[in-house]
Structure formats: structure tokens, C-alpha cells
Amino acid sequence: MRINLIKHQSSKLTSSKTRLIARLKADGSIFVGGKRKTNYFLKYESNNPQELEQFANDLREVYGLEPKFEMHKSGKKPNKFLKQVFIRSKLAFKDMQKYGPFYSKVWRVPKEIKEGSRETKIEFLRTFAEDEGSVIIEQKKIRIYSTNKYGLQQISKLLGFFKIKTYIENGFGEKRNVFAIIIKERESLLLFKKIIGFHSVRKIQKLNKLITNLS
């Protein structure tokens, strides 16, 4: 089996690598597949072409590999097809394992993020919230979802670093097994908008509308 070389990896996290880590702990996936378990994947699926392209660009920047695009059944809604982007690389897989675990029930915020710079924390939170967050204008709140309560507690602690107050509720999703970070206090919503925010235009617009409705 041919091994595709990757770029040299610095011990310091770049913004691109921080986004990759956040994506793979949110809507992305990292796994070994194939009959002989010799295919090492880093994948991300989304209905937002801008976010897919950013993931692809981050893979190019971090690992120097050319991603592939394909249509794929949604993991959350099997009857829905989403576009996904991926690379197949054992070296990239092994490198990313330094920041694991990644699976939905056991993912954690890696120490490189928790102990990283202010900018690193912001990029991780913004990317994770883009994938797993919802702006609920009518209820004047933001939710960030996961089936992993302990992981969300670590996200809450990161938000607390920026004085953003949160609490966690459960009972979301079809099986009512999903937890959510809730950001509801006026000052915390304003801080989230000012410091963290989102990547996509759609969620930025929704957040702006929510903030406007606070007054």
C-alpha cells in the first residue's frame, strides 16, 4: 500500500488545524474502513457548500493532500443526501489521533485547545457551534447540541473563559438522548456575538436578528 506523505506538523495549532479538530468532533468523522481495515478516512458532510470548501481548504493547508468530494446519505437523516469531502490518509489519521477521542459519545476537548491561545479557543468554539449550534430567535437563545454531556461541559467551560454564562439541558432529538448547552442571558448572548459568532452567513444573520430582538 502506497503511503501519501503529509506536511510536517508543528506542535503549535494553526487556525486551519483547529477547525479540522472541531469539525471532526462535530459533524465530521474519522475512522478506519474497508474490508481489510486499511482505509483511513477524515470526512465531513454538510449542506453548506462554503463550509465544505473550507474543510477541503483546511485539509490542503494542514496536510498538503487533495480532498475528494462525493454525495452521501446523511448520518442523521438516512433519506437525505449530503455532499461530503474527505481524504484517505493513514499519516493524517495518526496525526489527528493526538487530539482524540472523536466519536460522538466520547469526544473531548483536547488539552491543546483548553491550554491554547485565546484565538485557538475562539476558532474551536466558532467552528463547533457552526456545526452543532442553533439560533432560536423566538426563544432568544442559542443551543449547542451533542449526545455527549461531558464533552459539552468542557465546551461550557471554554465559553466561561469568555464570561459567557451557560447551562445544559437534556431531552432533545428524536430519541430524547441529546443534550444542549443553552446561552440565554442577554449579556452572554452579546458576548457570544462579539467574541465567538459563526462562520456561515445564514447563522450570522439569525444571530443578528436575535440580538436586535433583545432590545
N, C-alpha and C. Protein backbone atom coordinates (compact mmCIF):
# COMPACT_ATOMS: atom_id res chain seq x y z
N MET A 1 0.84 -1.20 0.00
CA MET A 1 0.00 0.00 0.00
C MET A 1 0.88 1.25 0.00
N ARG A 2 0.61 2.17 -0.93
CA ARG A 2 1.38 3.40 -1.01
C ARG A 2 0.96 4.36 0.11
N ILE A 3 1.94 4.93 0.79
CA ILE A 3 1.66 5.91 1.84
C ILE A 3 1.90 7.31 1.28
N ASN A 4 0.85 8.13 1.24
CA ASN A 4 1.00 9.52 0.79
C ASN A 4 1.55 10.36 1.93
N LEU A 5 2.68 11.00 1.68
CA LEU A 5 3.31 11.82 2.70
C LEU A 5 2.46 13.06 2.97
N ILE A 6 2.53 13.55 4.20
CA ILE A 6 1.83 14.78 4.58
C ILE A 6 2.85 15.83 4.97
N LYS A 7 2.39 17.05 5.09
CA LYS A 7 3.26 18.14 5.50
C LYS A 7 3.79 17.91 6.92
N HIS A 8 4.93 18.50 7.21
CA HIS A 8 5.44 18.47 8.58
C HIS A 8 4.44 19.18 9.50
N GLN A 9 4.19 18.60 10.67
CA GLN A 9 3.19 19.13 11.60
C GLN A 9 3.85 19.83 12.77
N SER A 10 3.56 21.11 12.90
CA SER A 10 4.08 21.90 14.02
C SER A 10 3.34 21.52 15.30
N SER A 11 4.01 21.68 16.43
CA SER A 11 3.36 21.42 17.72
C SER A 11 2.34 22.51 18.06
N LYS A 12 2.45 23.65 17.40
CA LYS A 12 1.52 24.76 17.63
C LYS A 12 0.35 24.66 16.67
N LEU A 13 -0.87 24.73 17.20
CA LEU A 13 -2.06 24.62 16.36
C LEU A 13 -2.27 25.88 15.54
N THR A 14 -2.49 25.70 14.25
CA THR A 14 -2.90 26.80 13.39
C THR A 14 -4.42 26.91 13.41
N SER A 15 -4.95 27.98 12.85
CA SER A 15 -6.41 28.13 12.75
C SER A 15 -7.01 27.01 11.91
N SER A 16 -6.32 26.65 10.82
CA SER A 16 -6.82 25.59 9.94
C SER A 16 -6.92 24.26 10.67
N LYS A 17 -5.89 23.92 11.43
CA LYS A 17 -5.90 22.64 12.12
C LYS A 17 -6.91 22.65 13.26
N THR A 18 -7.06 23.78 13.91
CA THR A 18 -8.07 23.90 14.97
C THR A 18 -9.46 23.65 14.41
N ARG A 19 -9.73 24.21 13.22
CA ARG A 19 -11.04 23.99 12.59
C ARG A 19 -11.24 22.52 12.24
N LEU A 20 -10.19 21.86 11.74
CA LEU A 20 -10.31 20.44 11.42
C LEU A 20 -10.66 19.62 12.66
N ILE A 21 -10.00 19.89 13.76
CA ILE A 21 -10.26 19.17 15.01
C ILE A 21 -11.72 19.38 15.44
N ALA A 22 -12.18 20.64 15.39
CA ALA A 22 -13.55 20.93 15.79
C ALA A 22 -14.56 20.24 14.87
N ARG A 23 -14.31 20.29 13.56
CA ARG A 23 -15.22 19.65 12.61
C ARG A 23 -15.31 18.15 12.85
N LEU A 24 -14.19 17.52 13.10
CA LEU A 24 -14.17 16.06 13.27
C LEU A 24 -14.80 15.63 14.58
N LYS A 25 -14.94 16.55 15.52
CA LYS A 25 -15.64 16.25 16.76
C LYS A 25 -17.11 16.63 16.68
N ALA A 26 -17.50 17.31 15.60
CA ALA A 26 -18.88 17.74 15.41
C ALA A 26 -19.52 16.94 14.28
N ASP A 27 -19.68 17.54 13.11
CA ASP A 27 -20.36 16.86 12.01
C ASP A 27 -19.44 15.99 11.17
N GLY A 28 -18.15 16.03 11.45
CA GLY A 28 -17.21 15.20 10.70
C GLY A 28 -17.05 13.82 11.30
N SER A 29 -16.17 13.04 10.70
CA SER A 29 -15.89 11.70 11.23
C SER A 29 -14.47 11.30 10.85
N ILE A 30 -13.88 10.47 11.70
CA ILE A 30 -12.54 9.96 11.47
C ILE A 30 -12.59 8.46 11.82
N PHE A 31 -12.24 7.61 10.85
CA PHE A 31 -12.43 6.18 11.07
C PHE A 31 -11.58 5.37 10.10
N VAL A 32 -11.49 4.08 10.40
CA VAL A 32 -10.80 3.12 9.54
C VAL A 32 -11.86 2.25 8.87
N GLY A 33 -11.82 2.15 7.54
CA GLY A 33 -12.82 1.38 6.81
C GLY A 33 -12.20 0.40 5.84
N GLY A 34 -13.06 -0.21 5.01
CA GLY A 34 -12.60 -1.20 4.05
C GLY A 34 -12.62 -2.60 4.62
N LYS A 35 -12.66 -3.60 3.75
CA LYS A 35 -12.73 -4.99 4.18
C LYS A 35 -11.55 -5.38 5.06
N ARG A 36 -10.39 -4.88 4.72
CA ARG A 36 -9.19 -5.24 5.48
C ARG A 36 -8.81 -4.17 6.50
N LYS A 37 -9.69 -3.17 6.67
CA LYS A 37 -9.44 -2.09 7.61
C LYS A 37 -8.10 -1.41 7.31
N THR A 38 -7.93 -1.06 6.06
CA THR A 38 -6.69 -0.40 5.64
C THR A 38 -6.94 0.99 5.07
N ASN A 39 -8.18 1.44 5.10
CA ASN A 39 -8.51 2.78 4.58
C ASN A 39 -8.76 3.73 5.75
N TYR A 40 -7.98 4.77 5.83
CA TYR A 40 -8.02 5.70 6.96
C TYR A 40 -8.63 7.02 6.47
N PHE A 41 -9.83 7.33 7.00
CA PHE A 41 -10.60 8.46 6.48
C PHE A 41 -10.70 9.62 7.47
N LEU A 42 -10.68 10.84 6.93
CA LEU A 42 -11.13 12.05 7.59
C LEU A 42 -12.21 12.62 6.70
N LYS A 43 -13.46 12.70 7.22
CA LYS A 43 -14.60 13.10 6.39
C LYS A 43 -15.42 14.18 7.07
N TYR A 44 -16.10 14.95 6.22
CA TYR A 44 -17.02 15.97 6.73
C TYR A 44 -18.16 16.11 5.74
N GLU A 45 -19.41 16.13 6.24
CA GLU A 45 -20.57 16.29 5.37
C GLU A 45 -21.39 17.49 5.82
N SER A 46 -21.98 18.17 4.85
CA SER A 46 -22.75 19.38 5.16
C SER A 46 -23.62 19.73 3.97
N ASN A 47 -24.69 20.49 4.22
CA ASN A 47 -25.50 21.03 3.13
C ASN A 47 -25.06 22.46 2.80
N ASN A 48 -23.96 22.90 3.43
CA ASN A 48 -23.44 24.25 3.20
C ASN A 48 -22.16 24.15 2.36
N PRO A 49 -22.20 24.55 1.10
CA PRO A 49 -21.02 24.41 0.23
C PRO A 49 -19.82 25.21 0.71
N GLN A 50 -20.07 26.35 1.37
CA GLN A 50 -18.95 27.16 1.86
C GLN A 50 -18.20 26.43 2.98
N GLU A 51 -18.93 25.76 3.85
CA GLU A 51 -18.28 25.03 4.94
C GLU A 51 -17.53 23.81 4.41
N LEU A 52 -18.09 23.14 3.41
CA LEU A 52 -17.39 22.02 2.78
C LEU A 52 -16.09 22.48 2.15
N GLU A 53 -16.15 23.61 1.46
CA GLU A 53 -14.94 24.12 0.81
C GLU A 53 -13.90 24.55 1.83
N GLN A 54 -14.36 25.10 2.95
CA GLN A 54 -13.40 25.48 3.98
C GLN A 54 -12.71 24.25 4.57
N PHE A 55 -13.48 23.18 4.80
CA PHE A 55 -12.88 21.94 5.29
C PHE A 55 -11.86 21.42 4.29
N ALA A 56 -12.22 21.44 3.00
CA ALA A 56 -11.29 20.99 1.97
C ALA A 56 -10.02 21.84 1.95
N ASN A 57 -10.19 23.15 2.04
CA ASN A 57 -9.03 24.05 2.05
C ASN A 57 -8.16 23.82 3.28
N ASP A 58 -8.80 23.54 4.42
CA ASP A 58 -8.03 23.28 5.64
C ASP A 58 -7.24 21.98 5.52
N LEU A 59 -7.83 20.96 4.87
CA LEU A 59 -7.09 19.71 4.64
C LEU A 59 -5.88 19.97 3.75
N ARG A 60 -6.07 20.76 2.72
CA ARG A 60 -4.95 21.09 1.83
C ARG A 60 -3.85 21.84 2.58
N GLU A 61 -4.29 22.81 3.39
CA GLU A 61 -3.33 23.65 4.13
C GLU A 61 -2.57 22.84 5.18
N VAL A 62 -3.28 22.00 5.92
CA VAL A 62 -2.66 21.29 7.04
C VAL A 62 -1.84 20.10 6.55
N TYR A 63 -2.40 19.31 5.65
CA TYR A 63 -1.74 18.05 5.27
C TYR A 63 -1.15 18.03 3.86
N GLY A 64 -1.49 19.02 3.04
CA GLY A 64 -0.95 19.04 1.70
C GLY A 64 -1.51 17.96 0.80
N LEU A 65 -2.70 17.46 1.13
CA LEU A 65 -3.35 16.42 0.34
C LEU A 65 -4.58 16.98 -0.37
N GLU A 66 -4.91 16.42 -1.52
CA GLU A 66 -6.06 16.91 -2.28
C GLU A 66 -7.32 16.13 -1.89
N PRO A 67 -8.32 16.80 -1.32
CA PRO A 67 -9.55 16.11 -0.90
C PRO A 67 -10.41 15.69 -2.09
N LYS A 68 -11.33 14.77 -1.82
CA LYS A 68 -12.31 14.33 -2.80
C LYS A 68 -13.70 14.70 -2.31
N PHE A 69 -14.61 14.94 -3.27
CA PHE A 69 -15.99 15.27 -2.96
C PHE A 69 -16.91 14.17 -3.50
N GLU A 70 -17.99 13.86 -2.76
CA GLU A 70 -18.97 12.90 -3.24
C GLU A 70 -20.29 13.10 -2.51
N MET A 71 -21.37 12.55 -3.06
CA MET A 71 -22.67 12.58 -2.40
C MET A 71 -22.77 11.37 -1.47
N HIS A 72 -23.47 11.56 -0.35
CA HIS A 72 -23.50 10.52 0.68
C HIS A 72 -24.80 10.64 1.46
N LYS A 73 -25.36 9.51 1.88
CA LYS A 73 -26.55 9.54 2.74
C LYS A 73 -26.21 10.18 4.07
N SER A 74 -27.07 11.09 4.52
CA SER A 74 -26.85 11.76 5.79
C SER A 74 -26.88 10.77 6.94
N GLY A 75 -25.93 10.91 7.86
CA GLY A 75 -25.93 10.04 9.03
C GLY A 75 -27.08 10.32 9.97
N LYS A 76 -27.57 11.57 9.97
CA LYS A 76 -28.66 11.95 10.87
C LYS A 76 -30.02 11.72 10.23
N LYS A 77 -30.10 11.87 8.88
CA LYS A 77 -31.35 11.66 8.15
C LYS A 77 -31.05 10.78 6.94
N PRO A 78 -31.18 9.44 7.09
CA PRO A 78 -30.78 8.49 6.04
C PRO A 78 -31.46 8.70 4.70
N ASN A 79 -32.63 9.33 4.67
CA ASN A 79 -33.32 9.56 3.41
C ASN A 79 -32.83 10.81 2.69
N LYS A 80 -31.93 11.53 3.34
CA LYS A 80 -31.39 12.77 2.78
C LYS A 80 -29.96 12.57 2.32
N PHE A 81 -29.63 13.11 1.14
CA PHE A 81 -28.27 13.02 0.63
C PHE A 81 -27.55 14.35 0.84
N LEU A 82 -26.33 14.26 1.33
CA LEU A 82 -25.50 15.43 1.55
C LEU A 82 -24.18 15.26 0.81
N LYS A 83 -23.58 16.37 0.47
CA LYS A 83 -22.26 16.31 -0.13
C LYS A 83 -21.24 16.17 0.99
N GLN A 84 -20.21 15.38 0.74
CA GLN A 84 -19.16 15.23 1.73
C GLN A 84 -17.80 15.38 1.07
N VAL A 85 -16.84 15.77 1.89
CA VAL A 85 -15.46 15.91 1.43
C VAL A 85 -14.59 15.05 2.33
N PHE A 86 -13.56 14.43 1.75
CA PHE A 86 -12.74 13.53 2.56
C PHE A 86 -11.34 13.38 1.99
N ILE A 87 -10.44 12.94 2.84
CA ILE A 87 -9.15 12.43 2.41
C ILE A 87 -8.99 11.03 2.99
N ARG A 88 -8.17 10.24 2.33
CA ARG A 88 -7.84 8.91 2.82
C ARG A 88 -6.33 8.90 3.05
N SER A 89 -5.93 8.89 4.32
CA SER A 89 -4.51 9.01 4.64
C SER A 89 -4.24 8.44 6.02
N LYS A 90 -3.38 7.43 6.08
CA LYS A 90 -3.01 6.85 7.36
C LYS A 90 -2.20 7.84 8.19
N LEU A 91 -1.33 8.61 7.56
CA LEU A 91 -0.49 9.55 8.30
C LEU A 91 -1.33 10.69 8.88
N ALA A 92 -2.28 11.20 8.10
CA ALA A 92 -3.17 12.25 8.63
C ALA A 92 -4.03 11.70 9.75
N PHE A 93 -4.53 10.49 9.58
CA PHE A 93 -5.33 9.82 10.62
C PHE A 93 -4.53 9.71 11.92
N LYS A 94 -3.30 9.22 11.82
CA LYS A 94 -2.47 9.03 13.01
C LYS A 94 -2.15 10.37 13.67
N ASP A 95 -1.91 11.38 12.86
CA ASP A 95 -1.64 12.71 13.42
C ASP A 95 -2.85 13.23 14.16
N MET A 96 -4.04 13.08 13.58
CA MET A 96 -5.25 13.61 14.20
C MET A 96 -5.60 12.87 15.49
N GLN A 97 -5.16 11.62 15.63
CA GLN A 97 -5.45 10.85 16.84
C GLN A 97 -4.84 11.49 18.08
N LYS A 98 -3.85 12.35 17.91
CA LYS A 98 -3.25 13.05 19.05
C LYS A 98 -4.28 13.93 19.76
N TYR A 99 -5.34 14.28 19.03
CA TYR A 99 -6.33 15.21 19.57
C TYR A 99 -7.66 14.51 19.87
N GLY A 100 -7.64 13.18 19.90
CA GLY A 100 -8.86 12.40 20.15
C GLY A 100 -9.20 12.34 21.62
N PRO A 101 -10.26 11.58 21.96
CA PRO A 101 -11.12 10.81 21.03
C PRO A 101 -12.08 11.72 20.26
N PHE A 102 -12.69 11.14 19.21
CA PHE A 102 -13.56 11.91 18.33
C PHE A 102 -14.99 11.39 18.28
N TYR A 103 -15.23 10.14 18.64
CA TYR A 103 -16.56 9.56 18.44
C TYR A 103 -17.61 10.28 19.29
N SER A 104 -18.85 10.28 18.81
CA SER A 104 -19.90 11.15 19.34
C SER A 104 -20.13 11.02 20.83
N LYS A 105 -20.06 9.81 21.36
CA LYS A 105 -20.36 9.61 22.78
C LYS A 105 -19.16 9.87 23.69
N VAL A 106 -17.96 9.97 23.11
CA VAL A 106 -16.76 10.04 23.96
C VAL A 106 -15.81 11.18 23.62
N TRP A 107 -16.15 12.03 22.63
CA TRP A 107 -15.22 13.08 22.25
C TRP A 107 -14.93 14.02 23.44
N ARG A 108 -13.76 14.58 23.41
CA ARG A 108 -13.32 15.52 24.44
C ARG A 108 -12.66 16.73 23.78
N VAL A 109 -12.64 17.85 24.47
CA VAL A 109 -11.87 19.00 24.02
C VAL A 109 -10.41 18.73 24.36
N PRO A 110 -9.52 18.67 23.36
CA PRO A 110 -8.13 18.34 23.66
C PRO A 110 -7.43 19.42 24.46
N LYS A 111 -6.42 19.02 25.20
CA LYS A 111 -5.70 19.97 26.06
C LYS A 111 -5.04 21.07 25.24
N GLU A 112 -4.69 20.76 23.99
CA GLU A 112 -4.07 21.77 23.13
C GLU A 112 -5.03 22.93 22.86
N ILE A 113 -6.34 22.65 22.93
CA ILE A 113 -7.35 23.71 22.80
C ILE A 113 -7.56 24.38 24.15
N LYS A 114 -7.77 23.57 25.18
CA LYS A 114 -8.03 24.12 26.52
C LYS A 114 -6.88 24.99 27.02
N GLU A 115 -5.65 24.59 26.69
CA GLU A 115 -4.47 25.33 27.14
C GLU A 115 -3.92 26.24 26.04
N GLY A 116 -4.64 26.33 24.93
CA GLY A 116 -4.17 27.12 23.80
C GLY A 116 -4.45 28.60 23.96
N SER A 117 -4.12 29.33 22.94
CA SER A 117 -4.29 30.78 22.95
C SER A 117 -5.77 31.16 22.91
N ARG A 118 -6.03 32.40 23.18
CA ARG A 118 -7.40 32.93 23.08
C ARG A 118 -7.94 32.70 21.67
N GLU A 119 -7.11 32.96 20.66
CA GLU A 119 -7.54 32.81 19.27
C GLU A 119 -7.87 31.34 18.96
N THR A 120 -7.09 30.41 19.51
CA THR A 120 -7.35 28.99 19.29
C THR A 120 -8.68 28.59 19.92
N LYS A 121 -8.94 29.03 21.12
CA LYS A 121 -10.21 28.73 21.78
C LYS A 121 -11.38 29.27 20.97
N ILE A 122 -11.26 30.50 20.48
CA ILE A 122 -12.33 31.12 19.72
C ILE A 122 -12.61 30.35 18.44
N GLU A 123 -11.55 29.98 17.72
CA GLU A 123 -11.73 29.26 16.45
C GLU A 123 -12.39 27.90 16.67
N PHE A 124 -11.98 27.21 17.74
CA PHE A 124 -12.59 25.92 18.05
C PHE A 124 -14.07 26.09 18.37
N LEU A 125 -14.40 27.04 19.24
CA LEU A 125 -15.79 27.26 19.64
C LEU A 125 -16.65 27.69 18.46
N ARG A 126 -16.13 28.60 17.64
CA ARG A 126 -16.90 29.10 16.49
C ARG A 126 -17.21 27.96 15.51
N THR A 127 -16.23 27.11 15.26
CA THR A 127 -16.42 26.02 14.31
C THR A 127 -17.35 24.96 14.86
N PHE A 128 -17.18 24.60 16.13
CA PHE A 128 -18.05 23.60 16.74
C PHE A 128 -19.49 24.13 16.78
N ALA A 129 -19.67 25.39 17.15
CA ALA A 129 -21.01 25.98 17.21
C ALA A 129 -21.64 26.07 15.82
N GLU A 130 -20.83 26.31 14.80
CA GLU A 130 -21.35 26.34 13.43
C GLU A 130 -21.98 25.00 13.07
N ASP A 131 -21.31 23.91 13.45
CA ASP A 131 -21.81 22.58 13.10
C ASP A 131 -22.95 22.12 14.00
N GLU A 132 -22.85 22.38 15.28
CA GLU A 132 -23.78 21.80 16.25
C GLU A 132 -24.71 22.81 16.92
N GLY A 133 -24.59 24.07 16.55
CA GLY A 133 -25.39 25.10 17.20
C GLY A 133 -26.62 25.52 16.42
N SER A 134 -27.61 26.03 17.13
CA SER A 134 -28.83 26.59 16.52
C SER A 134 -29.15 27.91 17.20
N VAL A 135 -29.59 28.86 16.40
CA VAL A 135 -30.06 30.15 16.91
C VAL A 135 -31.58 30.12 16.90
N ILE A 136 -32.18 30.22 18.06
CA ILE A 136 -33.64 30.14 18.17
C ILE A 136 -34.15 31.54 18.48
N ILE A 137 -34.53 32.23 17.42
CA ILE A 137 -34.87 33.64 17.54
C ILE A 137 -36.07 33.86 18.45
N GLU A 138 -37.12 33.03 18.28
CA GLU A 138 -38.35 33.22 19.05
C GLU A 138 -38.12 33.10 20.55
N GLN A 139 -37.22 32.20 20.94
CA GLN A 139 -36.95 31.97 22.37
C GLN A 139 -35.74 32.76 22.87
N LYS A 140 -35.12 33.50 21.96
CA LYS A 140 -33.97 34.36 22.29
C LYS A 140 -32.87 33.56 23.00
N LYS A 141 -32.45 32.49 22.33
CA LYS A 141 -31.40 31.65 22.91
C LYS A 141 -30.59 30.98 21.82
N ILE A 142 -29.43 30.51 22.21
CA ILE A 142 -28.59 29.68 21.36
C ILE A 142 -28.47 28.32 22.02
N ARG A 143 -28.56 27.26 21.21
CA ARG A 143 -28.31 25.91 21.71
C ARG A 143 -27.14 25.31 20.95
N ILE A 144 -26.32 24.54 21.65
CA ILE A 144 -25.24 23.78 21.05
C ILE A 144 -25.41 22.34 21.49
N TYR A 145 -25.62 21.42 20.53
CA TYR A 145 -26.08 20.07 20.82
C TYR A 145 -24.98 19.02 20.80
N SER A 146 -25.20 17.95 21.56
CA SER A 146 -24.39 16.73 21.48
C SER A 146 -25.04 15.65 22.35
N THR A 147 -24.78 14.39 22.00
CA THR A 147 -25.19 13.29 22.88
C THR A 147 -24.19 13.10 24.01
N ASN A 148 -23.12 13.84 23.98
CA ASN A 148 -22.00 13.70 24.92
C ASN A 148 -22.04 14.84 25.95
N LYS A 149 -22.63 14.57 27.10
CA LYS A 149 -22.78 15.61 28.11
C LYS A 149 -21.42 16.09 28.64
N TYR A 150 -20.49 15.16 28.86
CA TYR A 150 -19.20 15.55 29.41
C TYR A 150 -18.45 16.46 28.43
N GLY A 151 -18.53 16.12 27.14
CA GLY A 151 -17.91 16.98 26.14
C GLY A 151 -18.50 18.39 26.15
N LEU A 152 -19.83 18.47 26.27
CA LEU A 152 -20.48 19.78 26.34
C LEU A 152 -20.07 20.55 27.58
N GLN A 153 -19.86 19.85 28.67
CA GLN A 153 -19.40 20.53 29.88
C GLN A 153 -18.04 21.19 29.65
N GLN A 154 -17.20 20.52 28.86
CA GLN A 154 -15.90 21.12 28.53
C GLN A 154 -16.07 22.33 27.61
N ILE A 155 -17.03 22.24 26.68
CA ILE A 155 -17.33 23.39 25.83
C ILE A 155 -17.84 24.56 26.68
N SER A 156 -18.71 24.25 27.64
CA SER A 156 -19.24 25.28 28.54
C SER A 156 -18.12 25.97 29.31
N LYS A 157 -17.15 25.18 29.74
CA LYS A 157 -16.02 25.76 30.47
C LYS A 157 -15.21 26.70 29.58
N LEU A 158 -15.04 26.30 28.31
CA LEU A 158 -14.35 27.19 27.37
C LEU A 158 -15.12 28.49 27.17
N LEU A 159 -16.45 28.38 27.03
CA LEU A 159 -17.27 29.59 26.90
C LEU A 159 -17.17 30.45 28.14
N GLY A 160 -17.07 29.80 29.30
CA GLY A 160 -16.92 30.54 30.55
C GLY A 160 -15.64 31.34 30.60
N PHE A 161 -14.61 30.90 29.90
CA PHE A 161 -13.35 31.65 29.81
C PHE A 161 -13.61 33.06 29.27
N PHE A 162 -14.65 33.18 28.42
CA PHE A 162 -15.01 34.47 27.82
C PHE A 162 -16.19 35.12 28.54
N LYS A 163 -16.47 34.66 29.77
CA LYS A 163 -17.55 35.21 30.60
C LYS A 163 -18.93 34.96 30.02
N ILE A 164 -19.04 33.95 29.15
CA ILE A 164 -20.34 33.59 28.58
C ILE A 164 -20.99 32.54 29.48
N LYS A 165 -22.10 32.89 30.09
CA LYS A 165 -22.78 32.00 31.02
C LYS A 165 -23.66 31.01 30.27
N THR A 166 -23.62 29.75 30.72
CA THR A 166 -24.37 28.69 30.06
C THR A 166 -24.98 27.75 31.09
N TYR A 167 -25.91 26.93 30.63
CA TYR A 167 -26.35 25.77 31.41
C TYR A 167 -26.70 24.67 30.41
N ILE A 168 -26.84 23.46 30.88
CA ILE A 168 -27.07 22.31 30.00
C ILE A 168 -28.43 21.69 30.30
N GLU A 169 -29.21 21.44 29.24
CA GLU A 169 -30.48 20.74 29.34
C GLU A 169 -30.40 19.45 28.54
N ASN A 170 -31.29 18.49 28.85
CA ASN A 170 -31.33 17.26 28.06
C ASN A 170 -32.74 17.05 27.50
N GLY A 171 -32.88 15.96 26.74
CA GLY A 171 -34.20 15.62 26.21
C GLY A 171 -34.46 16.09 24.79
N PHE A 172 -33.40 16.41 24.04
CA PHE A 172 -33.57 16.85 22.66
C PHE A 172 -33.37 15.67 21.70
N GLY A 173 -33.76 15.88 20.43
CA GLY A 173 -33.59 14.85 19.42
C GLY A 173 -34.74 13.86 19.41
N GLU A 174 -34.83 13.07 18.34
CA GLU A 174 -35.92 12.10 18.20
C GLU A 174 -35.96 11.09 19.33
N LYS A 175 -34.78 10.68 19.80
CA LYS A 175 -34.71 9.70 20.89
C LYS A 175 -34.61 10.36 22.26
N ARG A 176 -34.67 11.68 22.28
CA ARG A 176 -34.58 12.45 23.53
C ARG A 176 -33.29 12.14 24.30
N ASN A 177 -32.25 11.82 23.55
CA ASN A 177 -30.97 11.47 24.19
C ASN A 177 -29.89 12.50 23.91
N VAL A 178 -30.31 13.68 23.45
CA VAL A 178 -29.37 14.74 23.10
C VAL A 178 -29.38 15.82 24.16
N PHE A 179 -28.19 16.27 24.52
CA PHE A 179 -28.02 17.37 25.47
C PHE A 179 -27.78 18.66 24.69
N ALA A 180 -27.99 19.78 25.35
CA ALA A 180 -27.73 21.06 24.70
C ALA A 180 -27.21 22.09 25.70
N ILE A 181 -26.16 22.77 25.31
CA ILE A 181 -25.73 23.97 26.03
C ILE A 181 -26.72 25.07 25.68
N ILE A 182 -27.18 25.80 26.68
CA ILE A 182 -28.11 26.91 26.47
C ILE A 182 -27.40 28.22 26.82
N ILE A 183 -27.45 29.15 25.88
CA ILE A 183 -26.97 30.53 26.14
C ILE A 183 -28.19 31.42 26.02
N LYS A 184 -28.58 32.03 27.12
CA LYS A 184 -29.85 32.75 27.15
C LYS A 184 -29.75 34.16 27.74
N GLU A 185 -28.84 34.34 28.70
CA GLU A 185 -28.74 35.66 29.33
C GLU A 185 -28.32 36.71 28.30
N ARG A 186 -28.90 37.87 28.40
CA ARG A 186 -28.65 38.95 27.43
C ARG A 186 -27.16 39.23 27.26
N GLU A 187 -26.46 39.43 28.38
CA GLU A 187 -25.04 39.78 28.30
C GLU A 187 -24.23 38.66 27.66
N SER A 188 -24.59 37.42 27.95
CA SER A 188 -23.87 36.28 27.37
C SER A 188 -24.13 36.15 25.87
N LEU A 189 -25.36 36.44 25.44
CA LEU A 189 -25.65 36.42 24.01
C LEU A 189 -24.86 37.51 23.29
N LEU A 190 -24.76 38.68 23.91
CA LEU A 190 -23.99 39.77 23.31
C LEU A 190 -22.51 39.41 23.24
N LEU A 191 -22.00 38.78 24.29
CA LEU A 191 -20.59 38.36 24.29
C LEU A 191 -20.34 37.28 23.24
N PHE A 192 -21.28 36.34 23.11
CA PHE A 192 -21.13 35.30 22.10
C PHE A 192 -21.05 35.92 20.71
N LYS A 193 -21.93 36.86 20.42
CA LYS A 193 -21.91 37.52 19.12
C LYS A 193 -20.60 38.28 18.90
N LYS A 194 -20.17 39.00 19.92
CA LYS A 194 -18.97 39.84 19.79
C LYS A 194 -17.69 39.03 19.66
N ILE A 195 -17.58 37.93 20.43
CA ILE A 195 -16.32 37.20 20.52
C ILE A 195 -16.30 35.94 19.67
N ILE A 196 -17.37 35.16 19.71
CA ILE A 196 -17.38 33.84 19.07
C ILE A 196 -18.05 33.91 17.70
N GLY A 197 -19.34 34.05 17.66
CA GLY A 197 -20.07 34.14 16.40
C GLY A 197 -20.09 32.83 15.63
N PHE A 198 -20.38 32.94 14.33
CA PHE A 198 -20.46 31.79 13.44
C PHE A 198 -19.66 32.05 12.18
N HIS A 199 -19.50 31.00 11.37
CA HIS A 199 -18.85 31.14 10.07
C HIS A 199 -19.85 31.50 8.97
N SER A 200 -21.01 30.83 8.96
CA SER A 200 -21.93 30.93 7.83
C SER A 200 -22.76 32.21 7.89
N VAL A 201 -23.07 32.72 6.71
CA VAL A 201 -23.88 33.94 6.60
C VAL A 201 -25.25 33.72 7.22
N ARG A 202 -25.83 32.55 6.97
CA ARG A 202 -27.19 32.26 7.47
C ARG A 202 -27.27 32.35 8.98
N LYS A 203 -26.32 31.74 9.68
CA LYS A 203 -26.37 31.77 11.14
C LYS A 203 -25.97 33.13 11.70
N ILE A 204 -25.08 33.82 11.01
CA ILE A 204 -24.73 35.18 11.43
C ILE A 204 -25.96 36.08 11.34
N GLN A 205 -26.72 35.95 10.27
CA GLN A 205 -27.93 36.76 10.11
C GLN A 205 -28.96 36.44 11.18
N LYS A 206 -29.12 35.15 11.49
CA LYS A 206 -30.07 34.76 12.53
C LYS A 206 -29.64 35.31 13.89
N LEU A 207 -28.34 35.25 14.17
CA LEU A 207 -27.84 35.77 15.44
C LEU A 207 -28.04 37.28 15.52
N ASN A 208 -27.79 37.97 14.42
CA ASN A 208 -28.01 39.42 14.40
C ASN A 208 -29.47 39.76 14.67
N LYS A 209 -30.37 38.96 14.10
CA LYS A 209 -31.81 39.20 14.31
C LYS A 209 -32.18 38.94 15.76
N LEU A 210 -31.62 37.87 16.34
CA LEU A 210 -31.87 37.58 17.75
C LEU A 210 -31.42 38.74 18.64
N ILE A 211 -30.22 39.24 18.37
CA ILE A 211 -29.67 40.35 19.17
C ILE A 211 -30.54 41.59 19.03
N THR A 212 -31.01 41.86 17.81
CA THR A 212 -31.89 43.00 17.58
C THR A 212 -33.16 42.87 18.39
N ASN A 213 -33.66 41.64 18.51
CA ASN A 213 -34.92 41.41 19.26
C ASN A 213 -34.73 41.51 20.77
N LEU A 214 -33.49 41.54 21.24
CA LEU A 214 -33.25 41.64 22.68
C LEU A 214 -33.64 43.02 23.23
N SER A 215 -33.55 44.03 22.38
CA SER A 215 -33.81 45.39 22.86
C SER A 215 -35.28 45.74 22.86
